[in-house]
N, C-alpha and C. Protein backbone atom coordinates (compact mmCIF):
# COMPACT_ATOMS: atom_id res chain seq x y z
N UNK A 1 -174.99 -2.02 -37.85
CA UNK A 1 -175.06 -3.02 -36.80
C UNK A 1 -175.25 -2.30 -35.47
N UNK A 2 -176.26 -2.67 -34.76
CA UNK A 2 -176.54 -2.03 -33.48
C UNK A 2 -175.70 -2.66 -32.39
N UNK A 3 -175.05 -1.81 -31.62
CA UNK A 3 -174.20 -2.26 -30.52
C UNK A 3 -175.02 -2.34 -29.25
N UNK A 4 -174.82 -3.40 -28.49
CA UNK A 4 -175.50 -3.55 -27.20
C UNK A 4 -174.75 -2.68 -26.19
N UNK A 5 -175.49 -1.88 -25.44
CA UNK A 5 -174.89 -1.01 -24.43
C UNK A 5 -175.18 -1.59 -23.06
N UNK A 6 -174.12 -1.85 -22.30
CA UNK A 6 -174.27 -2.45 -20.98
C UNK A 6 -174.22 -1.41 -19.87
N UNK A 7 -173.65 -0.24 -20.18
CA UNK A 7 -173.53 0.80 -19.15
C UNK A 7 -174.86 1.50 -18.93
N UNK A 8 -175.24 1.62 -17.69
CA UNK A 8 -176.41 2.40 -17.31
C UNK A 8 -175.96 3.39 -16.25
N UNK A 9 -176.41 4.62 -16.38
CA UNK A 9 -176.00 5.67 -15.45
C UNK A 9 -176.23 5.22 -14.01
N UNK A 10 -175.19 5.36 -13.20
CA UNK A 10 -175.29 5.00 -11.79
C UNK A 10 -175.07 3.52 -11.51
N UNK A 11 -174.88 2.71 -12.55
CA UNK A 11 -174.67 1.27 -12.37
C UNK A 11 -173.22 0.94 -12.69
N UNK A 12 -172.61 0.18 -11.82
CA UNK A 12 -171.24 -0.27 -12.05
C UNK A 12 -171.29 -1.54 -12.90
N UNK A 13 -170.51 -1.54 -13.97
CA UNK A 13 -170.49 -2.72 -14.83
C UNK A 13 -169.62 -3.81 -14.21
N UNK A 14 -170.06 -5.05 -14.41
CA UNK A 14 -169.26 -6.19 -13.97
C UNK A 14 -168.02 -6.29 -14.87
N UNK A 15 -166.99 -7.01 -14.44
CA UNK A 15 -165.83 -7.20 -15.32
C UNK A 15 -166.22 -7.85 -16.65
N UNK A 16 -167.20 -8.75 -16.62
CA UNK A 16 -167.65 -9.42 -17.85
C UNK A 16 -168.34 -8.41 -18.78
N UNK A 17 -169.13 -7.51 -18.23
CA UNK A 17 -169.79 -6.48 -19.05
C UNK A 17 -168.76 -5.53 -19.64
N UNK A 18 -167.73 -5.20 -18.87
CA UNK A 18 -166.66 -4.34 -19.38
C UNK A 18 -165.92 -5.02 -20.53
N UNK A 19 -165.66 -6.31 -20.37
CA UNK A 19 -164.94 -7.05 -21.40
C UNK A 19 -165.77 -7.18 -22.67
N UNK A 20 -167.07 -7.46 -22.54
CA UNK A 20 -167.91 -7.60 -23.74
C UNK A 20 -168.06 -6.27 -24.46
N UNK A 21 -168.04 -5.17 -23.71
CA UNK A 21 -168.05 -3.84 -24.33
C UNK A 21 -166.88 -3.70 -25.28
N UNK A 22 -165.71 -4.19 -24.85
CA UNK A 22 -164.51 -4.10 -25.67
C UNK A 22 -164.52 -5.10 -26.83
N UNK A 23 -165.10 -6.27 -26.61
CA UNK A 23 -164.96 -7.37 -27.56
C UNK A 23 -166.12 -7.55 -28.54
N UNK A 24 -167.28 -6.94 -28.28
CA UNK A 24 -168.45 -7.31 -29.08
C UNK A 24 -168.28 -7.03 -30.57
N UNK A 25 -167.60 -5.96 -30.94
CA UNK A 25 -167.41 -5.70 -32.37
C UNK A 25 -166.57 -6.79 -33.02
N UNK A 26 -165.55 -7.27 -32.32
CA UNK A 26 -164.70 -8.34 -32.84
C UNK A 26 -165.49 -9.65 -32.96
N UNK A 27 -166.32 -9.94 -31.98
CA UNK A 27 -167.14 -11.16 -32.02
C UNK A 27 -168.08 -11.11 -33.22
N UNK A 28 -168.71 -9.98 -33.44
CA UNK A 28 -169.62 -9.81 -34.59
C UNK A 28 -168.85 -9.97 -35.89
N UNK A 29 -167.67 -9.36 -35.97
CA UNK A 29 -166.84 -9.45 -37.17
C UNK A 29 -166.46 -10.91 -37.46
N UNK A 30 -166.08 -11.66 -36.41
CA UNK A 30 -165.72 -13.07 -36.58
C UNK A 30 -166.91 -13.90 -37.05
N UNK A 31 -168.07 -13.65 -36.49
CA UNK A 31 -169.27 -14.39 -36.87
C UNK A 31 -169.63 -14.13 -38.34
N UNK A 32 -169.56 -12.86 -38.73
CA UNK A 32 -169.84 -12.51 -40.13
C UNK A 32 -168.81 -13.14 -41.07
N UNK A 33 -167.56 -13.24 -40.64
CA UNK A 33 -166.51 -13.85 -41.46
C UNK A 33 -166.80 -15.33 -41.69
N UNK A 34 -167.25 -16.03 -40.65
CA UNK A 34 -167.62 -17.45 -40.80
C UNK A 34 -168.77 -17.58 -41.81
N UNK A 35 -169.78 -16.72 -41.67
CA UNK A 35 -170.92 -16.76 -42.59
C UNK A 35 -170.46 -16.50 -44.03
N UNK A 36 -169.69 -15.44 -44.23
CA UNK A 36 -169.24 -15.09 -45.58
C UNK A 36 -168.32 -16.16 -46.16
N UNK A 37 -167.49 -16.77 -45.32
CA UNK A 37 -166.62 -17.84 -45.79
C UNK A 37 -167.42 -19.02 -46.31
N UNK A 38 -168.48 -19.36 -45.61
CA UNK A 38 -169.35 -20.45 -46.08
C UNK A 38 -170.11 -20.08 -47.33
N UNK A 39 -170.51 -18.82 -47.44
CA UNK A 39 -171.16 -18.36 -48.68
C UNK A 39 -170.23 -18.54 -49.87
N UNK A 40 -168.94 -18.22 -49.70
CA UNK A 40 -167.97 -18.39 -50.78
C UNK A 40 -167.85 -19.86 -51.18
N UNK A 41 -167.82 -20.74 -50.19
CA UNK A 41 -167.71 -22.17 -50.48
C UNK A 41 -168.91 -22.64 -51.30
N UNK A 42 -170.12 -22.20 -50.93
CA UNK A 42 -171.31 -22.56 -51.70
C UNK A 42 -171.17 -22.05 -53.13
N UNK A 43 -170.68 -20.82 -53.32
CA UNK A 43 -170.52 -20.27 -54.67
C UNK A 43 -169.49 -21.05 -55.47
N UNK A 44 -168.41 -21.48 -54.83
CA UNK A 44 -167.39 -22.26 -55.53
C UNK A 44 -167.91 -23.64 -55.92
N UNK A 45 -168.68 -24.27 -55.03
CA UNK A 45 -169.09 -25.66 -55.21
C UNK A 45 -170.35 -25.84 -56.05
N UNK A 46 -171.18 -24.80 -56.16
CA UNK A 46 -172.47 -24.95 -56.82
C UNK A 46 -172.56 -23.99 -58.00
N UNK A 47 -172.55 -24.52 -59.23
CA UNK A 47 -172.73 -23.63 -60.38
C UNK A 47 -174.09 -22.93 -60.30
N UNK A 48 -174.11 -21.66 -60.65
CA UNK A 48 -175.34 -20.86 -60.62
C UNK A 48 -176.06 -20.99 -59.28
N UNK A 49 -175.30 -20.82 -58.22
CA UNK A 49 -175.81 -20.93 -56.86
C UNK A 49 -176.92 -19.92 -56.59
N UNK A 50 -177.93 -20.34 -55.86
CA UNK A 50 -178.98 -19.44 -55.36
C UNK A 50 -178.45 -18.89 -54.03
N UNK A 51 -177.89 -17.68 -54.08
CA UNK A 51 -177.24 -17.11 -52.90
C UNK A 51 -178.19 -16.93 -51.72
N UNK A 52 -179.40 -16.50 -51.99
CA UNK A 52 -180.35 -16.31 -50.90
C UNK A 52 -180.66 -17.63 -50.20
N UNK A 53 -180.91 -18.67 -50.98
CA UNK A 53 -181.19 -19.99 -50.40
C UNK A 53 -180.00 -20.49 -49.60
N UNK A 54 -178.80 -20.30 -50.15
CA UNK A 54 -177.59 -20.70 -49.44
C UNK A 54 -177.46 -19.94 -48.13
N UNK A 55 -177.69 -18.64 -48.17
CA UNK A 55 -177.60 -17.81 -46.97
C UNK A 55 -178.58 -18.29 -45.91
N UNK A 56 -179.79 -18.59 -46.33
CA UNK A 56 -180.82 -19.06 -45.39
C UNK A 56 -180.40 -20.38 -44.74
N UNK A 57 -179.86 -21.30 -45.53
CA UNK A 57 -179.43 -22.60 -45.01
C UNK A 57 -178.25 -22.44 -44.05
N UNK A 58 -177.29 -21.61 -44.44
CA UNK A 58 -176.12 -21.39 -43.59
C UNK A 58 -176.53 -20.76 -42.27
N UNK A 59 -177.38 -19.74 -42.32
CA UNK A 59 -177.78 -19.06 -41.08
C UNK A 59 -178.61 -19.99 -40.21
N UNK A 60 -179.38 -20.89 -40.81
CA UNK A 60 -180.12 -21.89 -40.02
C UNK A 60 -179.17 -22.78 -39.22
N UNK A 61 -178.09 -23.23 -39.87
CA UNK A 61 -177.11 -24.07 -39.18
C UNK A 61 -176.41 -23.28 -38.09
N UNK A 62 -176.05 -22.03 -38.39
CA UNK A 62 -175.37 -21.19 -37.40
C UNK A 62 -176.29 -20.91 -36.21
N UNK A 63 -177.57 -20.65 -36.50
CA UNK A 63 -178.52 -20.39 -35.42
C UNK A 63 -178.71 -21.63 -34.54
N UNK A 64 -178.79 -22.79 -35.19
CA UNK A 64 -178.92 -24.04 -34.44
C UNK A 64 -177.72 -24.23 -33.52
N UNK A 65 -176.53 -23.95 -34.04
CA UNK A 65 -175.33 -24.08 -33.22
C UNK A 65 -175.36 -23.10 -32.04
N UNK A 66 -175.84 -21.88 -32.27
CA UNK A 66 -175.95 -20.89 -31.18
C UNK A 66 -176.99 -21.35 -30.15
N UNK A 67 -178.09 -21.92 -30.63
CA UNK A 67 -179.11 -22.43 -29.71
C UNK A 67 -178.57 -23.56 -28.84
N UNK A 68 -177.77 -24.44 -29.43
CA UNK A 68 -177.16 -25.54 -28.67
C UNK A 68 -176.21 -24.97 -27.62
N UNK A 69 -175.40 -23.99 -28.02
CA UNK A 69 -174.49 -23.36 -27.06
C UNK A 69 -175.26 -22.70 -25.92
N UNK A 70 -176.33 -22.02 -26.25
CA UNK A 70 -177.14 -21.36 -25.21
C UNK A 70 -177.71 -22.39 -24.23
N UNK A 71 -178.17 -23.52 -24.77
CA UNK A 71 -178.69 -24.59 -23.91
C UNK A 71 -177.59 -25.13 -23.00
N UNK A 72 -176.41 -25.33 -23.55
CA UNK A 72 -175.29 -25.83 -22.76
C UNK A 72 -174.90 -24.83 -21.67
N UNK A 73 -174.97 -23.54 -21.97
CA UNK A 73 -174.67 -22.51 -20.96
C UNK A 73 -175.68 -22.60 -19.83
N UNK A 74 -176.97 -22.73 -20.18
CA UNK A 74 -178.01 -22.83 -19.16
C UNK A 74 -177.86 -24.08 -18.33
N UNK A 75 -177.31 -25.14 -18.92
CA UNK A 75 -177.09 -26.40 -18.19
C UNK A 75 -175.82 -26.35 -17.33
N UNK A 76 -175.07 -25.27 -17.42
CA UNK A 76 -173.89 -25.11 -16.60
C UNK A 76 -172.61 -25.68 -17.18
N UNK A 77 -172.61 -26.05 -18.46
CA UNK A 77 -171.45 -26.70 -19.03
C UNK A 77 -170.23 -25.77 -19.15
N UNK A 78 -170.44 -24.47 -19.04
CA UNK A 78 -169.33 -23.52 -19.12
C UNK A 78 -169.09 -22.79 -17.81
N UNK A 79 -169.67 -23.28 -16.73
CA UNK A 79 -169.52 -22.63 -15.43
C UNK A 79 -168.08 -22.65 -14.94
N UNK A 80 -167.34 -23.68 -15.29
CA UNK A 80 -165.93 -23.81 -14.88
C UNK A 80 -165.04 -23.92 -16.11
N UNK A 81 -165.25 -23.09 -17.09
CA UNK A 81 -164.51 -23.16 -18.35
C UNK A 81 -163.08 -22.77 -18.10
């Protein structure tokens, strides 16, 4: 997993950039846990599950949710969170 690097030589990081540096691995871990948890549910509920198809459907829903969140951020819905 490639880590995003916010530090650039000679540039002072914002408090938010410093915090994301500390938290990004945990955020990635949590996201993967949600994905894997849903994969398990598909395996439990569907005999002879097609894991690849399930993974594609789950990631589509997760991506859609991320896209909605990104739109809401751009609309300012989290400006005063």
